[in-house]
Protein backbone atom coordinates (compact mmCIF):
# COMPACT_ATOMS: atom_id res chain seq x y z
CA MET A 1 32.30 -16.46 1.10
CA SER A 2 36.01 -17.33 2.35
CA ILE A 3 35.18 -20.81 1.45
CA LEU A 4 34.35 -19.82 -2.26
CA LEU A 5 37.16 -17.45 -2.16
CA SER A 6 39.42 -20.56 -1.10
CA MET A 7 38.04 -22.70 -3.38
CA SER A 8 38.13 -20.74 -6.20
CA GLY A 9 42.17 -19.74 -5.56
CA GLY A 10 42.77 -23.35 -4.72
CA LEU A 11 41.16 -24.43 -8.28
CA GLY A 12 43.09 -21.69 -10.05
CA LEU A 13 46.44 -22.76 -8.61
CA PHE A 14 45.46 -26.42 -9.51
CA LEU A 15 44.71 -25.38 -13.59
CA PHE A 16 47.68 -23.16 -13.51
CA GLY A 17 50.06 -25.98 -11.84
CA MET A 18 48.62 -28.50 -14.41
CA LYS A 19 49.02 -26.18 -17.42
CA MET A 20 52.48 -25.33 -16.42
CA MET A 21 53.52 -28.64 -15.84
CA SER A 22 52.23 -29.81 -19.16
CA GLU A 23 53.56 -27.30 -20.93
CA GLY A 24 57.02 -27.72 -19.12
CA ILE A 25 57.01 -31.52 -20.39
CA GLU A 26 56.06 -30.52 -23.73
CA ARG A 27 58.45 -27.87 -24.56
CA ALA A 28 61.30 -29.85 -22.75
CA ALA A 29 60.65 -33.16 -24.70
CA GLY A 30 57.74 -32.34 -26.79
CA ALA A 31 59.72 -32.73 -29.94
CA LYS A 32 60.65 -36.28 -28.83
CA LEU A 33 57.35 -37.60 -27.69
CA ARG A 34 56.23 -36.00 -31.00
CA GLU A 35 58.82 -38.47 -33.05
CA ILE A 36 57.80 -41.27 -30.55
CA LEU A 37 54.27 -40.87 -31.70
CA GLU A 38 54.77 -40.75 -35.00
CA PHE A 39 57.18 -43.81 -35.34
CA PHE A 40 55.25 -46.23 -32.99
CA THR A 41 51.65 -46.18 -33.92
CA LYS A 42 51.85 -48.40 -37.13
CA ASN A 43 50.34 -51.38 -35.00
CA ARG A 44 46.91 -50.41 -33.13
CA LEU A 45 48.07 -52.37 -29.77
CA ILE A 46 51.50 -50.57 -30.16
CA GLY A 47 49.79 -47.40 -30.64
CA LEU A 48 47.64 -48.04 -27.49
CA LEU A 49 50.21 -48.20 -25.33
CA VAL A 50 52.09 -45.04 -26.72
CA GLY A 51 48.95 -43.23 -25.92
CA VAL A 52 48.70 -44.50 -22.56
CA PHE A 53 52.63 -43.51 -22.28
CA PHE A 54 51.92 -39.79 -23.52
CA THR A 55 49.06 -39.20 -21.73
CA ALA A 56 50.58 -40.27 -18.29
CA LEU A 57 53.69 -38.14 -19.27
CA VAL A 58 52.04 -34.70 -20.55
CA GLN A 59 49.15 -35.07 -17.89
CA SER A 60 46.66 -34.20 -20.55
CA SER A 61 44.20 -36.64 -22.75
CA SER A 62 43.26 -33.46 -24.86
CA ALA A 63 47.12 -32.34 -25.63
CA CYS A 64 47.48 -35.83 -26.85
CA THR A 65 43.99 -36.10 -28.86
CA VAL A 66 44.67 -32.79 -30.34
CA MET A 67 47.98 -33.93 -31.78
CA VAL A 68 46.59 -36.87 -33.02
CA VAL A 69 44.04 -34.68 -35.16
CA SER A 70 46.90 -32.56 -36.29
CA PHE A 71 48.55 -35.82 -37.36
CA VAL A 72 45.63 -37.14 -39.21
CA ASN A 73 44.90 -33.52 -40.82
CA SER A 74 48.75 -33.51 -41.78
CA GLY A 75 48.66 -36.89 -43.41
CA LEU A 76 51.04 -38.40 -40.63
CA MET A 77 48.83 -40.72 -39.42
CA SER A 78 46.08 -42.87 -40.70
CA LEU A 79 42.29 -43.23 -39.22
CA TYR A 80 43.18 -46.70 -38.03
CA GLN A 81 46.31 -45.53 -36.45
CA ALA A 82 44.69 -42.80 -34.51
CA ALA A 83 42.10 -45.00 -33.25
CA GLY A 84 44.81 -47.01 -31.19
CA VAL A 85 46.49 -43.57 -29.85
CA ILE A 86 43.13 -42.39 -28.72
CA PHE A 87 42.20 -45.31 -26.90
CA GLY A 88 45.26 -45.70 -24.93
CA ALA A 89 45.47 -41.77 -23.96
CA ASN A 90 41.97 -42.17 -22.70
CA ILE A 91 43.75 -44.80 -20.31
CA GLY A 92 46.61 -42.51 -19.74
CA THR A 93 44.47 -39.80 -18.39
CA THR A 94 43.61 -41.58 -15.25
CA VAL A 95 46.94 -40.90 -13.45
CA THR A 96 46.27 -37.71 -12.80
CA SER A 97 43.55 -38.78 -10.22
CA GLN A 98 45.74 -41.68 -9.13
CA LEU A 99 48.47 -38.87 -8.17
CA VAL A 100 45.91 -36.52 -7.00
CA SER A 101 44.65 -39.70 -4.30
CA LEU A 102 48.07 -40.38 -3.18
CA ASN A 103 47.48 -37.17 -1.44
CA LEU A 104 51.25 -35.83 -1.97
CA SER A 105 50.48 -32.28 -1.10
CA ASP A 106 52.57 -32.06 2.20
CA ALA A 107 55.59 -32.54 -0.24
CA ALA A 108 54.14 -29.69 -2.29
CA PRO A 109 56.75 -27.09 -0.76
CA VAL A 110 59.46 -29.28 -1.83
CA PHE A 111 58.55 -29.36 -4.92
CA LEU A 112 58.03 -25.49 -5.17
CA LEU A 113 61.11 -24.81 -3.71
CA VAL A 114 63.69 -27.11 -6.18
CA GLY A 115 61.47 -25.78 -9.28
CA ALA A 116 61.94 -22.24 -8.41
CA LEU A 117 65.52 -22.75 -8.01
CA MET A 118 65.64 -24.85 -11.08
CA VAL A 119 63.84 -21.83 -13.14
CA LEU A 120 65.13 -18.87 -11.59
CA PHE A 121 69.13 -19.69 -11.25
CA VAL A 122 69.67 -22.23 -13.83
CA LYS A 123 70.44 -20.99 -17.26
CA ASN A 124 70.38 -24.24 -19.30
CA LYS A 125 67.25 -23.92 -21.31
CA GLY A 126 66.56 -28.22 -21.05
CA THR A 127 66.90 -27.90 -17.55
CA GLU A 128 64.81 -24.82 -17.09
CA LYS A 129 62.17 -26.74 -18.71
CA VAL A 130 62.58 -29.38 -16.41
CA GLY A 131 62.16 -26.89 -13.80
CA GLU A 132 59.00 -25.67 -14.70
CA VAL A 133 57.84 -29.39 -15.20
CA ILE A 134 58.57 -29.31 -11.34
CA LEU A 135 57.50 -26.24 -10.10
CA GLY A 136 53.83 -26.65 -11.61
CA PHE A 137 53.79 -30.33 -9.82
CA GLY A 138 54.31 -28.26 -6.52
CA VAL A 139 51.94 -25.47 -7.63
CA LEU A 140 49.29 -28.28 -8.34
CA PHE A 141 49.37 -30.05 -5.38
CA MET A 142 49.49 -26.52 -3.30
CA GLY A 143 46.10 -25.55 -4.90
CA LEU A 144 44.80 -29.28 -4.17
CA ASN A 145 45.75 -28.70 -0.40
CA ILE A 146 43.78 -25.21 -0.64
CA MET A 147 40.77 -26.77 -2.06
CA ALA A 148 40.72 -29.78 0.18
CA ASP A 149 40.75 -27.53 3.10
CA ALA A 150 38.11 -25.23 1.74
CA MET A 151 36.07 -28.56 1.57
CA ALA A 152 36.56 -29.08 5.00
CA GLY A 153 34.71 -26.31 5.77
CA LEU A 154 32.40 -26.70 2.81
CA LYS A 155 31.08 -29.78 5.00
CA GLU A 156 30.00 -27.72 7.67
CA VAL A 157 27.77 -25.38 5.84
CA GLU A 158 24.23 -27.50 5.91
CA GLN A 159 22.93 -26.15 2.61
CA VAL A 160 25.82 -27.35 0.76
CA SER A 161 25.56 -31.07 2.42
CA VAL A 162 21.76 -30.82 1.72
CA ILE A 163 21.66 -30.08 -2.17
CA LEU A 164 24.94 -32.24 -2.73
CA GLY A 165 23.49 -35.30 -0.80
CA SER A 166 19.99 -35.04 -2.87
CA LEU A 167 21.92 -35.80 -6.06
CA LYS A 168 20.84 -39.23 -6.58
CA SER A 169 19.75 -39.13 -10.39
CA PRO A 170 22.50 -41.01 -12.24
CA LEU A 171 21.32 -38.91 -15.35
CA LEU A 172 21.89 -35.45 -13.60
CA ALA A 173 25.09 -36.67 -12.53
CA ILE A 174 26.46 -37.59 -15.65
CA LEU A 175 25.40 -34.32 -17.38
CA ALA A 176 26.56 -31.93 -14.54
CA GLY A 177 30.31 -34.05 -15.05
CA THR A 178 29.74 -33.30 -19.23
CA ILE A 179 28.97 -29.69 -18.65
CA LEU A 180 31.72 -29.27 -15.85
CA THR A 181 34.26 -31.24 -18.02
CA ALA A 182 33.36 -29.25 -21.18
CA ILE A 183 33.75 -26.17 -19.37
CA ILE A 184 37.05 -26.69 -17.64
CA GLN A 185 38.28 -28.64 -20.64
CA SER A 186 39.88 -31.24 -18.60
CA SER A 187 38.52 -34.33 -17.26
CA SER A 188 41.59 -34.76 -14.84
CA VAL A 189 40.60 -31.52 -13.18
CA THR A 190 36.85 -32.26 -12.80
CA VAL A 191 37.55 -35.96 -11.43
CA SER A 192 40.18 -34.54 -8.91
CA ILE A 193 37.39 -32.12 -7.71
CA VAL A 194 35.01 -35.23 -7.43
CA LEU A 195 37.86 -36.65 -5.72
CA LEU A 196 38.19 -34.15 -2.85
CA MET A 197 34.80 -33.84 -2.32
CA ALA A 198 34.02 -37.55 -1.88
CA ASN A 199 37.12 -37.35 0.56
CA GLU A 200 35.01 -34.96 2.76
CA GLY A 201 31.78 -36.99 2.44
CA LEU A 202 30.08 -34.17 0.56
CA LEU A 203 29.27 -36.55 -2.71
CA MET A 204 27.81 -40.36 -2.15
CA LEU A 205 30.20 -42.93 -4.18
CA PRO A 206 27.57 -44.23 -6.51
CA ILE A 207 27.16 -40.71 -7.72
CA CYS A 208 30.60 -39.85 -7.92
CA ILE A 209 30.89 -43.08 -10.59
CA PHE A 210 28.30 -41.25 -12.67
CA ILE A 211 29.93 -37.95 -12.73
CA ILE A 212 32.79 -39.51 -13.72
CA LEU A 213 30.87 -41.06 -16.68
CA GLY A 214 30.10 -37.62 -17.78
CA CYS A 215 33.43 -36.57 -17.23
CA ASN A 216 34.51 -38.76 -19.96
CA ILE A 217 31.81 -37.31 -22.57
CA GLY A 218 32.58 -33.74 -21.70
CA SER A 219 36.52 -34.22 -22.13
CA CYS A 220 35.81 -34.56 -26.11
CA GLY A 221 35.42 -31.06 -26.54
CA SER A 222 38.97 -30.20 -27.13
CA ALA A 223 39.57 -32.53 -30.02
CA LEU A 224 36.57 -31.75 -31.50
CA LEU A 225 37.13 -27.92 -31.39
CA ALA A 226 40.70 -28.85 -32.61
CA SER A 227 39.08 -30.65 -35.91
CA LEU A 228 36.57 -27.91 -36.90
CA ALA A 229 38.59 -26.41 -39.42
CA GLY A 230 40.47 -29.46 -40.48
CA LYS A 231 39.97 -31.88 -43.17
CA LYS A 232 37.05 -34.77 -43.10
CA ASP A 233 39.76 -37.20 -41.64
CA ALA A 234 40.61 -34.69 -38.75
CA LYS A 235 37.05 -34.49 -38.05
CA ARG A 236 36.85 -38.52 -38.10
CA ALA A 237 39.66 -38.65 -35.72
CA ALA A 238 38.13 -36.09 -33.20
CA MET A 239 35.04 -38.28 -33.69
CA ILE A 240 36.81 -41.46 -32.84
CA HIS A 241 37.24 -39.81 -29.53
CA PHE A 242 33.50 -38.86 -29.34
CA LEU A 243 32.27 -42.66 -29.63
CA PHE A 244 34.58 -44.11 -27.82
CA ASN A 245 34.02 -42.29 -24.66
CA VAL A 246 29.93 -41.97 -25.59
CA VAL A 247 29.92 -45.81 -26.45
CA GLY A 248 31.88 -46.80 -23.63
CA SER A 249 30.15 -44.68 -20.90
CA VAL A 250 26.82 -45.78 -22.11
CA ILE A 251 27.81 -49.21 -21.94
CA ILE A 252 28.93 -48.91 -18.05
CA PHE A 253 26.10 -47.10 -17.26
CA LEU A 254 23.81 -49.98 -18.66
CA LEU A 255 26.22 -52.59 -16.83
CA LEU A 256 26.02 -50.45 -13.43
CA GLN A 257 22.22 -50.36 -13.26
CA PHE A 258 22.35 -54.16 -12.11
CA THR A 259 25.60 -53.91 -10.12
CA ILE A 260 26.21 -50.58 -8.62
CA ASP A 261 26.15 -51.81 -5.04
CA MET A 262 28.42 -54.41 -5.66
CA VAL A 263 30.63 -52.48 -7.95
CA VAL A 264 30.79 -49.71 -4.53
CA GLU A 265 31.54 -52.37 -2.26
CA LYS A 266 34.28 -54.27 -3.70
CA ILE A 267 36.10 -51.33 -5.36
CA LEU A 268 35.88 -49.55 -2.03
CA ALA A 269 37.40 -52.56 -0.22
CA PHE A 270 40.05 -52.97 -2.98
CA SER A 271 40.60 -49.28 -1.99
CA GLY A 272 41.19 -49.92 1.89
CA GLY A 273 38.12 -47.90 2.42
CA ASP A 274 39.63 -44.75 1.45
CA GLN A 275 37.08 -42.86 -0.69
CA GLY A 276 39.65 -40.40 -2.67
CA ARG A 277 41.13 -44.05 -3.65
CA PHE A 278 37.68 -45.20 -4.75
CA VAL A 279 37.14 -42.26 -7.29
CA ALA A 280 40.61 -42.67 -8.40
CA ASN A 281 40.27 -46.17 -8.77
CA VAL A 282 36.89 -46.01 -10.51
CA HIS A 283 38.16 -43.63 -12.89
CA THR A 284 40.92 -45.96 -14.11
CA LEU A 285 38.59 -48.95 -13.97
CA ILE A 286 36.09 -47.28 -16.20
CA LYS A 287 39.08 -46.42 -19.13
CA VAL A 288 40.49 -49.86 -18.75
CA LEU A 289 37.00 -51.21 -19.33
CA GLN A 290 35.85 -49.46 -21.98
CA VAL A 291 39.07 -50.17 -24.00
CA ILE A 292 38.77 -53.96 -23.38
CA PHE A 293 35.28 -53.56 -24.61
CA LEU A 294 36.01 -51.59 -27.78
CA PHE A 295 39.28 -52.10 -28.72
CA PRO A 296 38.49 -55.23 -30.56
CA PHE A 297 35.94 -53.23 -32.35
CA SER A 298 37.55 -50.16 -33.44
CA ASN A 299 37.96 -50.73 -36.79
CA TYR A 300 34.25 -50.65 -36.92
CA ILE A 301 34.32 -47.61 -34.83
CA VAL A 302 36.52 -46.04 -37.58
CA LYS A 303 34.14 -47.17 -40.27
CA LEU A 304 31.10 -45.42 -38.09
CA THR A 305 32.74 -42.28 -38.45
CA TYR A 306 31.90 -42.07 -42.10
CA LEU A 307 28.73 -42.44 -41.34
CA PHE A 308 28.89 -39.18 -39.26
CA ILE A 309 31.32 -37.51 -41.63
CA PRO A 310 30.71 -38.48 -45.36
CA GLY A 311 32.23 -37.83 -48.40
CA SER A 312 35.81 -36.66 -49.01
CA ASP A 313 37.99 -33.46 -49.48
CA ASP A 314 38.91 -34.18 -53.16
CA SER A 315 35.92 -31.86 -54.29
CA MET A 316 38.22 -28.90 -53.12
CA ASP A 317 41.38 -28.58 -55.14
CA TYR A 318 43.94 -27.62 -52.30
CA ARG A 319 46.42 -27.16 -55.14
CA GLU A 320 45.08 -24.18 -56.99
CA ASN A 321 43.10 -22.49 -54.44
CA PHE A 322 44.23 -19.77 -52.06
CA HIS A 323 44.06 -21.80 -48.99
CA LEU A 324 45.88 -23.10 -46.50
CA GLN A 325 45.61 -26.81 -45.79
CA TYR A 326 47.42 -27.75 -42.48
CA ILE A 327 47.24 -24.26 -40.62
CA GLY A 328 44.99 -21.46 -39.79
CA GLU A 329 43.45 -19.23 -37.48
CA LYS A 330 40.50 -21.60 -36.76
CA PHE A 331 42.70 -24.19 -35.74
CA VAL A 332 43.11 -24.86 -32.16
CA PHE A 333 46.30 -24.14 -31.46
CA SER A 334 48.90 -27.19 -30.45
CA PRO A 335 52.66 -26.34 -29.39
CA ALA A 336 53.76 -29.74 -30.10
CA THR A 337 52.43 -30.15 -33.82
CA ALA A 338 52.66 -26.37 -34.81
CA VAL A 339 56.11 -26.93 -36.78
CA VAL A 340 54.97 -30.14 -38.32
CA GLU A 341 51.66 -28.05 -39.71
CA VAL A 342 54.12 -25.60 -41.06
CA THR A 343 56.45 -28.21 -42.41
CA LYS A 344 53.80 -29.97 -44.19
CA GLU A 345 52.34 -26.52 -45.61
CA LEU A 346 56.07 -25.50 -46.71
CA GLU A 347 56.26 -28.84 -48.38
CA ARG A 348 53.02 -28.38 -50.29
CA MET A 349 54.33 -24.66 -51.14
CA ALA A 350 57.72 -26.27 -52.36
CA SER A 351 55.42 -28.97 -54.94
CA LEU A 352 53.40 -25.91 -55.98
CA ALA A 353 56.69 -23.91 -56.88
CA SER A 354 58.07 -26.97 -58.74
CA GLU A 355 55.39 -27.98 -60.63
CA ASN A 356 54.96 -24.20 -61.57
CA LEU A 357 58.65 -23.89 -62.63
CA ASN A 358 57.90 -27.24 -65.10
CA ARG A 359 54.42 -25.44 -66.18
CA ALA A 360 56.68 -22.18 -67.33
CA MET A 361 59.57 -24.12 -68.95
CA ASN A 362 56.59 -26.09 -70.75
CA GLY A 363 54.81 -22.63 -71.53
CA LEU A 364 57.88 -21.24 -72.95
CA ILE A 365 58.69 -24.48 -75.29
CA THR A 366 55.04 -24.84 -76.29
CA LEU A 367 53.85 -21.13 -76.25
CA ASP A 368 50.55 -22.70 -74.37
CA LYS A 369 48.56 -19.25 -73.66
CA GLU A 370 46.44 -21.34 -70.71
CA ASP A 371 49.81 -22.85 -69.14
CA ILE A 372 51.62 -19.28 -69.17
CA ASP A 373 48.34 -17.84 -67.60
CA GLN A 374 48.08 -20.59 -65.12
CA VAL A 375 51.91 -19.63 -63.74
CA TYR A 376 50.91 -16.24 -62.80
CA GLU A 377 47.87 -17.48 -61.11
CA VAL A 378 49.67 -20.34 -59.31
CA GLU A 379 52.49 -17.64 -58.35
CA ARG A 380 50.02 -15.62 -56.77
CA ASN A 381 48.99 -18.80 -54.80
CA ILE A 382 52.89 -19.06 -53.79
CA ASP A 383 52.94 -15.45 -52.86
CA TYR A 384 49.54 -16.00 -50.32
CA LEU A 385 51.11 -19.20 -48.95
CA ASN A 386 54.50 -17.19 -48.18
CA ARG A 387 52.66 -14.40 -46.44
CA GLU A 388 50.60 -16.57 -44.43
CA ILE A 389 53.00 -19.53 -43.62
CA THR A 390 55.32 -16.27 -42.34
CA ASN A 391 52.73 -14.66 -40.33
CA TYR A 392 52.24 -18.19 -38.74
CA LEU A 393 55.85 -18.39 -37.89
CA VAL A 394 55.86 -14.98 -36.16
CA LYS A 395 52.53 -15.98 -34.27
CA ILE A 396 53.89 -19.39 -32.80
CA SER A 397 57.69 -18.14 -32.54
CA GLN A 398 56.14 -15.87 -29.56
CA ALA A 399 54.32 -19.15 -28.12
CA SER A 400 55.85 -22.05 -25.96
CA LEU A 401 57.22 -24.27 -28.41
CA PRO A 402 59.21 -27.36 -27.41
CA VAL A 403 62.95 -26.49 -27.25
CA ASP A 404 63.86 -28.34 -30.45
CA ASP A 405 61.07 -27.10 -32.51
CA ALA A 406 61.70 -23.21 -30.92
CA ARG A 407 65.32 -23.56 -32.55
CA ARG A 408 63.80 -24.46 -35.88
CA ILE A 409 61.46 -21.37 -36.37
CA GLY A 410 64.21 -19.20 -37.88
CA THR A 411 65.39 -21.93 -40.51
CA LEU A 412 61.48 -22.15 -41.78
CA PHE A 413 61.26 -18.76 -42.13
CA HIS A 414 64.61 -18.78 -44.58
CA VAL A 415 62.80 -21.85 -46.30
CA ALA A 416 59.94 -20.08 -46.90
CA ASN A 417 62.11 -17.21 -48.74
CA ASP A 418 63.54 -19.96 -50.89
CA ILE A 419 60.49 -21.60 -51.96
CA GLU A 420 59.03 -18.03 -52.79
CA ARG A 421 62.12 -17.37 -54.69
CA ILE A 422 61.89 -20.48 -56.67
CA GLY A 423 58.15 -19.48 -57.63
CA ASP A 424 59.34 -15.94 -58.98
CA HIS A 425 61.99 -17.69 -61.06
CA ALA A 426 58.84 -19.56 -62.51
CA GLU A 427 57.45 -16.36 -63.02
CA ASN A 428 60.29 -15.21 -65.05
CA VAL A 429 60.55 -18.30 -67.50
CA ALA A 430 56.74 -17.24 -67.87
CA ASP A 431 57.80 -13.88 -68.52
CA ALA A 432 60.24 -15.13 -71.06
CA ALA A 433 57.34 -17.16 -72.82
CA ARG A 434 55.02 -14.25 -73.28
CA SER A 435 58.10 -12.19 -74.83
CA ARG A 436 58.34 -15.06 -77.24
CA VAL A 437 54.37 -15.18 -78.15
CA ASP A 438 54.57 -11.39 -78.55
CA THR A 439 57.85 -11.08 -80.50
CA GLY A 440 58.01 -14.50 -82.40
CA VAL A 441 61.43 -15.31 -80.98
CA ALA A 442 62.60 -18.90 -81.75
CA PHE A 443 65.15 -21.07 -80.12
CA SER A 444 67.39 -23.77 -82.06
CA LYS A 445 67.02 -27.31 -81.38
CA MET A 446 70.15 -27.48 -79.86
CA ALA A 447 69.03 -24.68 -77.35
CA LEU A 448 65.74 -26.17 -76.44
CA LYS A 449 67.64 -29.90 -75.72
CA ASP A 450 69.97 -27.85 -73.52
CA MET A 451 67.36 -26.39 -71.47
CA GLY A 452 65.43 -29.32 -70.96
CA ASP A 453 68.59 -31.29 -69.98
CA MET A 454 69.51 -28.59 -67.24
CA LEU A 455 65.74 -28.65 -66.18
CA ASP A 456 65.98 -32.47 -65.62
CA MET A 457 68.99 -31.96 -63.10
CA VAL A 458 67.04 -29.25 -61.56
CA ASN A 459 63.83 -31.39 -61.09
CA THR A 460 66.13 -33.92 -59.45
CA LEU A 461 67.74 -31.53 -56.97
CA ILE A 462 64.53 -30.15 -56.17
CA ARG A 463 63.01 -33.59 -55.36
CA PHE A 464 65.83 -34.31 -53.10
CA SER A 465 65.81 -31.15 -51.44
CA ILE A 466 62.11 -31.28 -50.77
CA ASP A 467 62.37 -34.85 -49.42
CA VAL A 468 65.31 -34.10 -47.17
CA PHE A 469 63.64 -31.31 -45.55
CA ALA A 470 60.28 -32.98 -45.01
CA ARG A 471 61.69 -35.91 -43.26
CA ASN A 472 64.19 -33.35 -41.07
CA VAL A 473 66.85 -36.25 -41.08
CA TRP A 474 70.34 -35.72 -41.82
CA ASP A 475 71.45 -38.30 -44.79
CA GLU A 476 74.95 -38.21 -45.06
CA GLU A 477 74.50 -40.34 -48.78
CA ILE A 478 71.24 -37.71 -49.58
CA MET A 479 73.41 -34.48 -48.84
CA SER A 480 76.42 -35.89 -50.76
CA ASP A 481 74.46 -36.69 -53.74
CA ILE A 482 72.92 -32.77 -53.17
CA VAL A 483 76.01 -30.94 -53.26
CA HIS A 484 77.62 -32.97 -56.00
CA LEU A 485 74.08 -32.48 -58.24
CA GLU A 486 74.48 -28.63 -57.35
CA GLU A 487 78.00 -28.38 -58.29
CA ALA A 488 77.00 -30.23 -61.62
CA ILE A 489 74.21 -27.89 -62.31
CA ASP A 490 76.76 -24.90 -61.98
CA GLU A 491 79.35 -26.42 -64.29
CA LYS A 492 76.22 -27.11 -66.84
CA GLU A 493 75.37 -23.58 -66.93
CA LYS A 494 78.44 -22.58 -67.61
CA GLU A 495 79.18 -25.32 -70.53
CA LEU A 496 75.89 -23.92 -71.87
CA GLN A 497 76.92 -20.15 -71.85
CA VAL A 498 80.17 -21.02 -73.88
CA LEU A 499 77.58 -23.21 -76.34
CA HIS A 500 75.38 -20.10 -76.76
CA VAL A 501 78.28 -17.94 -77.58
CA GLU A 502 79.34 -20.45 -80.17
CA ARG A 503 75.92 -20.73 -81.51
CA LEU A 504 75.90 -16.77 -81.91
CA THR A 505 79.25 -16.37 -83.73
CA LYS A 506 77.79 -19.17 -86.03
CA ASN A 507 74.82 -17.31 -86.51
CA GLU A 508 72.72 -20.24 -85.46
CA CYS A 509 70.36 -18.28 -83.19
CA THR A 510 69.52 -14.72 -82.79
CA PRO A 511 70.64 -12.23 -80.35
CA GLU A 512 67.11 -11.95 -78.85
CA ALA A 513 66.71 -15.60 -78.34
CA GLY A 514 70.47 -15.93 -76.91
CA MET A 515 69.32 -13.53 -74.19
CA LEU A 516 66.24 -15.07 -73.19
CA PHE A 517 68.43 -18.25 -73.33
CA THR A 518 70.64 -16.59 -71.02
CA ASP A 519 68.26 -15.41 -68.78
CA ILE A 520 66.70 -18.66 -68.04
CA ILE A 521 69.27 -20.83 -67.52
CA SER A 522 71.24 -18.23 -65.19
CA GLY A 523 67.46 -18.49 -63.63
CA MET A 524 67.51 -22.37 -62.87
CA GLU A 525 71.02 -22.24 -61.65
CA ARG A 526 70.06 -19.64 -59.03
CA VAL A 527 66.43 -22.20 -58.56
CA ALA A 528 69.28 -24.82 -57.64
CA ASP A 529 71.22 -22.98 -55.17
CA HIS A 530 67.83 -22.19 -53.84
CA ALA A 531 66.70 -25.86 -53.38
CA THR A 532 69.84 -26.56 -52.15
CA ASN A 533 69.63 -24.03 -49.28
CA ILE A 534 66.20 -26.07 -48.41
CA ALA A 535 68.02 -29.26 -48.05
CA PHE A 536 70.80 -27.76 -45.53
CA SER A 537 68.17 -26.23 -43.23
CA VAL A 538 68.35 -29.43 -41.88
CA GLU A 539 72.20 -28.82 -41.02
CA THR A 540 70.93 -25.63 -39.54
CA ASP A 541 68.31 -27.67 -37.05
CA GLU A 542 71.03 -30.09 -36.03
CA SER A 543 73.96 -27.86 -35.27
């Protein structure tokens, strides 16, 4: 009983240490890693190398693949680009087992002390996150040390030795690896357990190889879960990960039927007779071979996903239905991509508000009742998005986000409010259009031209602002253009008010039409202010 308790405690520390280390890296450098992932994945081969680097750093292929699924769902990455990163992530995940095989447990107390001191006594946020990584590393190896001691005792229990020694079926070993990894949701953890058991002679080396093959398949669970509520391309990205591991494992399994004894002999010799090193090297070799076999056929694997997940998302009109396209309760939450998802959702919401403003202005001029009625329907959609995005921002503000992303949360609240206010102004224009329909108020040709000219200026400003916000990059030239355009709109509003008074004094328009005209151009000037606020949210982020 004491052995099982020690095993459980050691495993708990190992899992907690890995989670702390992975999350610490994501918080300390998650935003930068995400930018690297976005920028360097245009070429599949470079994407492969980035996938290796990223996963080796965060110690989790699940974190990498979930992020890739989120990118594909957000349209930031194509399936063909995702394939390279996913392939690389499968190699990068073997770094954990290599570290475990080096037996760094003796250094665990040093990591614990240094990490604890940095977390407890250093006030700098960045340094504190680095301290969490070091502390997590120490906890991880402390857990390994406890598990290793427990397994040494487990070796003395005759029944356990008999049960594990009787495990000779490759298929049963694959099934065991698959189920255990699907439950733990980390192939690194499962392989580390296998490594420790092999070190103590509890598992035969050939069986270790087949358990590792099962771990490969079980590791697909996180990405598949993350894709369930996503678009079809997100599901296909998760399917790439699944096919890579299943097809690759089948190929390796078939090859081992004829070469298992030779493989064990050669790798054990290469590992200097160390059975723990043997497991780590097998894990790395299997992943590298899978990439060598399947990378040339990655395009065909992508195309194969369309057979499993046919159709497209075009049948669902995301623009008019009450629907969150990039975020939602059903998604597996990924701290590294949460702000990206919100940004994409806000970009979509801003496009809806901009289109609705133009729809309302068209309804005002043409008195098209269908356009006017649709403005109110879209405005309800915008209000829905504002409410749901705000709720999501509250939720993620309580999570452990990358430092740069955490600073951006407050700004995103303001951006959501500015976009919602643009939507309200569109509704105000629709109210004016209804008033025209009910009262028969007519605008002069000059008034219609003036409103059209001002709308063109506002549309340009909104387009620039949304682009700046979506890219989150401070561009001095574009920001200068936005400032000058906003000032020009202010001057335009003053000029049109003066011209409006002149038309009134000449009886060229009615007081009723004049009131509507004044309200509309004042509303458009306020829309320009909100759009400028959206653009300057980038300055707030970088300051």
